PDB file of N, CA and C in Angstrom:
ATOM      1  N   UNK A   1    -156.453  87.980  94.999  1.00  0.00           N
ATOM      2  CA  UNK A   1    -157.585  88.640  96.007  1.00  0.00           C
ATOM      3  C   UNK A   1    -158.433  87.894  96.184  1.00  0.00           C
ATOM      4  N   UNK A   2    -158.918  88.061  97.504  1.00  0.00           N
ATOM      5  CA  UNK A   2    -160.522  87.644  97.826  1.00  0.00           C
ATOM      6  C   UNK A   2    -161.215  88.676  98.023  1.00  0.00           C
ATOM      7  N   UNK A   3    -161.997  89.428  97.948  1.00  0.00           N
ATOM      8  CA  UNK A   3    -163.383  90.498  98.459  1.00  0.00           C
ATOM      9  C   UNK A   3    -164.398  90.096  97.573  1.00  0.00           C
ATOM     10  N   UNK A   4    -164.853  89.157  98.350  1.00  0.00           N
ATOM     11  CA  UNK A   4    -166.577  88.657  97.390  1.00  0.00           C
ATOM     12  C   UNK A   4    -166.807  90.125  97.621  1.00  0.00           C
ATOM     13  N   UNK A   5    -167.636  90.564  98.753  1.00  0.00           N
ATOM     14  CA  UNK A   5    -168.310  92.258  98.768  1.00  0.00           C
ATOM     15  C   UNK A   5    -167.818  92.819  98.008  1.00  0.00           C
ATOM     16  N   UNK A   6    -166.938  93.147  97.952  1.00  0.00           N
ATOM     17  CA  UNK A   6    -166.220  94.718  97.207  1.00  0.00           C
ATOM     18  C   UNK A   6    -166.588  93.622  95.698  1.00  0.00           C
ATOM     19  N   UNK A   7    -166.017  92.609  94.935  1.00  0.00           N
ATOM     20  CA  UNK A   7    -166.741  92.479  93.530  1.00  0.00           C
ATOM     21  C   UNK A   7    -167.964  92.028  93.913  1.00  0.00           C
ATOM     22  N   UNK A   8    -169.145  91.903  94.617  1.00  0.00           N
ATOM     23  CA  UNK A   8    -170.863  91.724  94.392  1.00  0.00           C
ATOM     24  C   UNK A   8    -170.688  92.940  94.347  1.00  0.00           C
ATOM     25  N   UNK A   9    -170.520  94.321  94.874  1.00  0.00           N
ATOM     26  CA  UNK A   9    -170.582  95.688  94.685  1.00  0.00           C
ATOM     27  C   UNK A   9    -170.635  95.987  93.384  1.00  0.00           C
ATOM     28  N   UNK A  10    -169.295  95.571  92.867  1.00  0.00           N
ATOM     29  CA  UNK A  10    -168.710  96.303  91.549  1.00  0.00           C
ATOM     30  C   UNK A  10    -169.688  95.969  90.774  1.00  0.00           C
ATOM     31  N   UNK A  11    -169.560  94.237  90.564  1.00  0.00           N
ATOM     32  CA  UNK A  11    -170.895  93.930  89.547  1.00  0.00           C
ATOM     33  C   UNK A  11    -171.905  94.373  89.524  1.00  0.00           C
ATOM     34  N   UNK A  12    -172.769  94.688  90.793  1.00  0.00           N
ATOM     35  CA  UNK A  12    -174.051  95.035  90.986  1.00  0.00           C
ATOM     36  C   UNK A  12    -173.963  96.405  90.208  1.00  0.00           C
ATOM     37  N   UNK A  13    -172.997  97.626  90.893  1.00  0.00           N
ATOM     38  CA  UNK A  13    -173.338  98.814  89.828  1.00  0.00           C
ATOM     39  C   UNK A  13    -172.484  98.350  88.374  1.00  0.00           C
ATOM     40  N   UNK A  14    -171.968  97.773  87.766  1.00  0.00           N
ATOM     41  CA  UNK A  14    -171.587  97.419  86.425  1.00  0.00           C
ATOM     42  C   UNK A  14    -172.813  97.021  85.728  1.00  0.00           C
ATOM     43  N   UNK A  15    -173.561  96.074  86.484  1.00  0.00           N
ATOM     44  CA  UNK A  15    -174.471  95.442  85.638  1.00  0.00           C
ATOM     45  C   UNK A  15    -175.611  96.846  85.587  1.00  0.00           C
ATOM     46  N   UNK A  16    -175.624  97.682  86.544  1.00  0.00           N
ATOM     47  CA  UNK A  16    -176.719  98.576  86.947  1.00  0.00           C
ATOM     48  C   UNK A  16    -176.335  99.296  85.469  1.00  0.00           C
ATOM     49  N   UNK A  17    -175.090 100.537  85.675  1.00  0.00           N
ATOM     50  CA  UNK A  17    -174.525 100.963  85.075  1.00  0.00           C
ATOM     51  C   UNK A  17    -175.099 101.059  83.035  1.00  0.00           C
ATOM     52  N   UNK A  18    -174.970  99.435  83.081  1.00  0.00           N
ATOM     53  CA  UNK A  18    -174.622  99.141  82.064  1.00  0.00           C
ATOM     54  C   UNK A  18    -176.251  98.447  81.097  1.00  0.00           C
ATOM     55  N   UNK A  19    -177.030  98.510  82.019  1.00  0.00           N
ATOM     56  CA  UNK A  19    -178.219  98.457  81.364  1.00  0.00           C
ATOM     57  C   UNK A  19    -179.375  99.967  81.462  1.00  0.00           C
ATOM     58  N   UNK A  20    -178.528 101.026  81.741  1.00  0.00           N
ATOM     59  CA  UNK A  20    -179.426 102.262  81.419  1.00  0.00           C
ATOM     60  C   UNK A  20    -179.384 103.008  80.468  1.00  0.00           C
ATOM     61  N   UNK A  21    -180.292 103.527  79.274  1.00  0.00           N
ATOM     62  CA  UNK A  21    -180.744 103.725  78.861  1.00  0.00           C
ATOM     63  C   UNK A  21    -179.536 104.748  78.124  1.00  0.00           C
ATOM     64  N   UNK A  22    -179.090 105.619  78.555  1.00  0.00           N
ATOM     65  CA  UNK A  22    -178.051 106.754  78.243  1.00  0.00           C
ATOM     66  C   UNK A  22    -176.739 106.357  77.959  1.00  0.00           C
ATOM     67  N   UNK A  23    -176.148 104.953  78.249  1.00  0.00           N
ATOM     68  CA  UNK A  23    -175.118 104.083  77.140  1.00  0.00           C
ATOM     69  C   UNK A  23    -175.382 104.485  75.592  1.00  0.00           C
ATOM     70  N   UNK A  24    -173.631 105.046  75.452  1.00  0.00           N
ATOM     71  CA  UNK A  24    -173.631 105.699  74.035  1.00  0.00           C
ATOM     72  C   UNK A  24    -172.901 104.658  73.604  1.00  0.00           C
ATOM     73  N   UNK A  25    -172.489 104.697  72.570  1.00  0.00           N
ATOM     74  CA  UNK A  25    -171.397 103.680  71.814  1.00  0.00           C
ATOM     75  C   UNK A  25    -169.908 103.929  72.687  1.00  0.00           C
ATOM     76  N   UNK A  26    -169.211 105.466  72.705  1.00  0.00           N
ATOM     77  CA  UNK A  26    -168.281 105.775  73.516  1.00  0.00           C
ATOM     78  C   UNK A  26    -168.180 105.455  74.736  1.00  0.00           C
ATOM     79  N   UNK A  27    -169.441 105.145  75.477  1.00  0.00           N
ATOM     80  CA  UNK A  27    -169.128 104.712  76.968  1.00  0.00           C
ATOM     81  C   UNK A  27    -168.576 103.251  77.188  1.00  0.00           C
ATOM     82  N   UNK A  28    -169.422 102.600  75.798  1.00  0.00           N
ATOM     83  CA  UNK A  28    -169.389 101.089  76.335  1.00  0.00           C
ATOM     84  C   UNK A  28    -167.859 100.826  76.611  1.00  0.00           C
ATOM     85  N   UNK A  29    -167.427 101.643  75.899  1.00  0.00           N
ATOM     86  CA  UNK A  29    -165.672 100.849  75.723  1.00  0.00           C
ATOM     87  C   UNK A  29    -164.932 101.296  77.348  1.00  0.00           C
ATOM     88  N   UNK A  30    -165.499 102.811  77.615  1.00  0.00           N
ATOM     89  CA  UNK A  30    -165.342 102.551  79.325  1.00  0.00           C
ATOM     90  C   UNK A  30    -165.838 101.464  80.531  1.00  0.00           C
ATOM     91  N   UNK A  31    -167.303 101.699  80.028  1.00  0.00           N
ATOM     92  CA  UNK A  31    -167.526 100.199  80.916  1.00  0.00           C
ATOM     93  C   UNK A  31    -166.781  99.089  80.559  1.00  0.00           C
ATOM     94  N   UNK A  32    -166.361  98.627  79.317  1.00  0.00           N
ATOM     95  CA  UNK A  32    -165.629  97.853  78.799  1.00  0.00           C
ATOM     96  C   UNK A  32    -164.628  97.608  79.637  1.00  0.00           C
ATOM     97  N   UNK A  33    -164.001  98.647  80.168  1.00  0.00           N
ATOM     98  CA  UNK A  33    -162.426  98.810  80.803  1.00  0.00           C
ATOM     99  C   UNK A  33    -162.744  98.547  81.828  1.00  0.00           C
ATOM    100  N   UNK A  34    -163.777  98.996  82.698  1.00  0.00           N
ATOM    101  CA  UNK A  34    -164.023  99.043  83.775  1.00  0.00           C
ATOM    102  C   UNK A  34    -164.279  97.431  84.376  1.00  0.00           C
ATOM    103  N   UNK A  35    -165.078  96.378  83.438  1.00  0.00           N
ATOM    104  CA  UNK A  35    -165.600  94.889  83.628  1.00  0.00           C
ATOM    105  C   UNK A  35    -163.938  94.310  83.535  1.00  0.00           C
ATOM    106  N   UNK A  36    -163.229  94.755  82.807  1.00  0.00           N
ATOM    107  CA  UNK A  36    -162.021  93.675  82.349  1.00  0.00           C
ATOM    108  C   UNK A  36    -160.817  94.326  83.939  1.00  0.00           C
ATOM    109  N   UNK A  37    -161.254  95.290  84.028  1.00  0.00           N
ATOM    110  CA  UNK A  37    -160.399  95.690  85.217  1.00  0.00           C
ATOM    111  C   UNK A  37    -161.351  95.055  86.451  1.00  0.00           C
ATOM    112  N   UNK A  38    -161.972  94.741  87.002  1.00  0.00           N
ATOM    113  CA  UNK A  38    -162.464  93.509  87.386  1.00  0.00           C
ATOM    114  C   UNK A  38    -162.367  92.354  87.535  1.00  0.00           C
ATOM    115  N   UNK A  39    -161.928  91.775  86.340  1.00  0.00           N
ATOM    116  CA  UNK A  39    -161.486  90.699  86.229  1.00  0.00           C
ATOM    117  C   UNK A  39    -159.864  89.956  86.312  1.00  0.00           C
ATOM    118  N   UNK A  40    -159.432  91.657  86.066  1.00  0.00           N
ATOM    119  CA  UNK A  40    -158.232  91.261  86.395  1.00  0.00           C
ATOM    120  C   UNK A  40    -157.242  91.489  87.529  1.00  0.00           C
ATOM    121  N   UNK A  41    -158.259  91.924  88.491  1.00  0.00           N
ATOM    122  CA  UNK A  41    -157.948  92.901  90.006  1.00  0.00           C
ATOM    123  C   UNK A  41    -158.025  91.386  91.004  1.00  0.00           C
ATOM    124  N   UNK A  42    -159.347  90.173  90.639  1.00  0.00           N
ATOM    125  CA  UNK A  42    -159.936  89.748  91.836  1.00  0.00           C
ATOM    126  C   UNK A  42    -159.938  88.308  91.062  1.00  0.00           C
ATOM    127  N   UNK A  43    -159.848  87.491  92.424  1.00  0.00           N
ATOM    128  CA  UNK A  43    -160.122  85.781  91.713  1.00  0.00           C
ATOM    129  C   UNK A  43    -161.337  85.591  92.399  1.00  0.00           C
ATOM    130  N   UNK A  44    -162.103  86.178  90.860  1.00  0.00           N
ATOM    131  CA  UNK A  44    -163.813  85.426  90.561  1.00  0.00           C
ATOM    132  C   UNK A  44    -164.446  83.994  90.540  1.00  0.00           C
ATOM    133  N   UNK A  45    -165.502  84.065  91.149  1.00  0.00           N
ATOM    134  CA  UNK A  45    -166.108  82.298  91.823  1.00  0.00           C
ATOM    135  C   UNK A  45    -166.984  82.568  89.950  1.00  0.00           C
ATOM    136  N   UNK A  46    -166.815  81.326  89.986  1.00  0.00           N
ATOM    137  CA  UNK A  46    -167.856  80.783  88.257  1.00  0.00           C
ATOM    138  C   UNK A  46    -169.112  81.822  88.158  1.00  0.00           C
ATOM    139  N   UNK A  47    -169.877  82.257  89.596  1.00  0.00           N
ATOM    140  CA  UNK A  47    -171.019  82.548  89.338  1.00  0.00           C
ATOM    141  C   UNK A  47    -170.790  83.978  88.692  1.00  0.00           C
ATOM    142  N   UNK A  48    -169.720  84.313  89.331  1.00  0.00           N
ATOM    143  CA  UNK A  48    -169.133  86.153  89.406  1.00  0.00           C
ATOM    144  C   UNK A  48    -168.652  86.943  88.116  1.00  0.00           C
ATOM    145  N   UNK A  49    -167.891  85.216  87.359  1.00  0.00           N
ATOM    146  CA  UNK A  49    -167.260  85.428  85.423  1.00  0.00           C
ATOM    147  C   UNK A  49    -168.319  85.267  84.669  1.00  0.00           C
ATOM    148  N   UNK A  50    -169.435  84.576  85.030  1.00  0.00           N
ATOM    149  CA  UNK A  50    -170.483  84.741  84.090  1.00  0.00           C
ATOM    150  C   UNK A  50    -171.247  85.999  84.168  1.00  0.00           C
ATOM    151  N   UNK A  51    -171.887  86.327  85.656  1.00  0.00           N
ATOM    152  CA  UNK A  51    -172.015  87.936  85.552  1.00  0.00           C
ATOM    153  C   UNK A  51    -171.444  88.925  84.684  1.00  0.00           C
ATOM    154  N   UNK A  52    -169.991  88.645  84.941  1.00  0.00           N
ATOM    155  CA  UNK A  52    -169.101  89.234  84.468  1.00  0.00           C
ATOM    156  C   UNK A  52    -169.228  88.964  82.521  1.00  0.00           C
ATOM    157  N   UNK A  53    -169.739  88.198  82.010  1.00  0.00           N
ATOM    158  CA  UNK A  53    -169.975  87.972  80.574  1.00  0.00           C
ATOM    159  C   UNK A  53    -170.605  88.298  79.889  1.00  0.00           C
ATOM    160  N   UNK A  54    -171.901  88.280  80.385  1.00  0.00           N
ATOM    161  CA  UNK A  54    -172.854  88.551  80.524  1.00  0.00           C
ATOM    162  C   UNK A  54    -172.852  89.931  80.383  1.00  0.00           C
ATOM    163  N   UNK A  55    -171.869  91.287  81.288  1.00  0.00           N
ATOM    164  CA  UNK A  55    -172.515  92.108  81.001  1.00  0.00           C
ATOM    165  C   UNK A  55    -171.286  92.748  79.935  1.00  0.00           C
ATOM    166  N   UNK A  56    -170.333  92.262  79.529  1.00  0.00           N
ATOM    167  CA  UNK A  56    -169.228  91.932  78.874  1.00  0.00           C
ATOM    168  C   UNK A  56    -170.150  91.970  77.549  1.00  0.00           C
ATOM    169  N   UNK A  57    -171.140  90.953  77.244  1.00  0.00           N
ATOM    170  CA  UNK A  57    -172.001  90.523  75.694  1.00  0.00           C
ATOM    171  C   UNK A  57    -173.084  91.649  75.735  1.00  0.00           C
ATOM    172  N   UNK A  58    -173.717  92.254  76.869  1.00  0.00           N
ATOM    173  CA  UNK A  58    -174.166  93.560  76.875  1.00  0.00           C
ATOM    174  C   UNK A  58    -173.554  94.798  75.757  1.00  0.00           C
ATOM    175  N   UNK A  59    -172.631  94.626  76.623  1.00  0.00           N
ATOM    176  CA  UNK A  59    -171.982  96.044  75.447  1.00  0.00           C
ATOM    177  C   UNK A  59    -170.984  95.837  74.609  1.00  0.00           C
ATOM    178  N   UNK A  60    -171.239  94.495  73.863  1.00  0.00           N
ATOM    179  CA  UNK A  60    -170.739  94.440  72.281  1.00  0.00           C
ATOM    180  C   UNK A  60    -169.743  94.109  72.312  1.00  0.00           C
ATOM    181  N   UNK A  61    -169.139  93.867  70.940  1.00  0.00           N
ATOM    182  CA  UNK A  61    -168.049  93.346  70.717  1.00  0.00           C
ATOM    183  C   UNK A  61    -167.122  94.878  70.443  1.00  0.00           C
ATOM    184  N   UNK A  62    -165.901  94.929  71.298  1.00  0.00           N
ATOM    185  CA  UNK A  62    -164.571  95.815  71.606  1.00  0.00           C
ATOM    186  C   UNK A  62    -164.275  96.277  69.963  1.00  0.00           C
ATOM    187  N   UNK A  63    -165.183  98.300  70.258  1.00  0.00           N
ATOM    188  CA  UNK A  63    -164.710  98.543  69.259  1.00  0.00           C
ATOM    189  C   UNK A  63    -163.323  99.345  69.690  1.00  0.00           C
ATOM    190  N   UNK A  64    -162.364  99.481  70.702  1.00  0.00           N
ATOM    191  CA  UNK A  64    -161.337 100.413  70.795  1.00  0.00           C
ATOM    192  C   UNK A  64    -159.966 100.346  69.979  1.00  0.00           C
TER     193      UNK A  64
END
């Protein structure tokens, strides 16, 4: 599914949300699931994939 504007808005939100100081360890799992849902629902451009991977790195290793 191609919905560039939807993907961009979601990535913008995820990027912002995962940089907030209130991000706690338990919340990282929630945000990781949200990021991976975007990856699974949409066909992403190389730039979008790189941005998504950067967000995942910020969240750290999966602890679920």
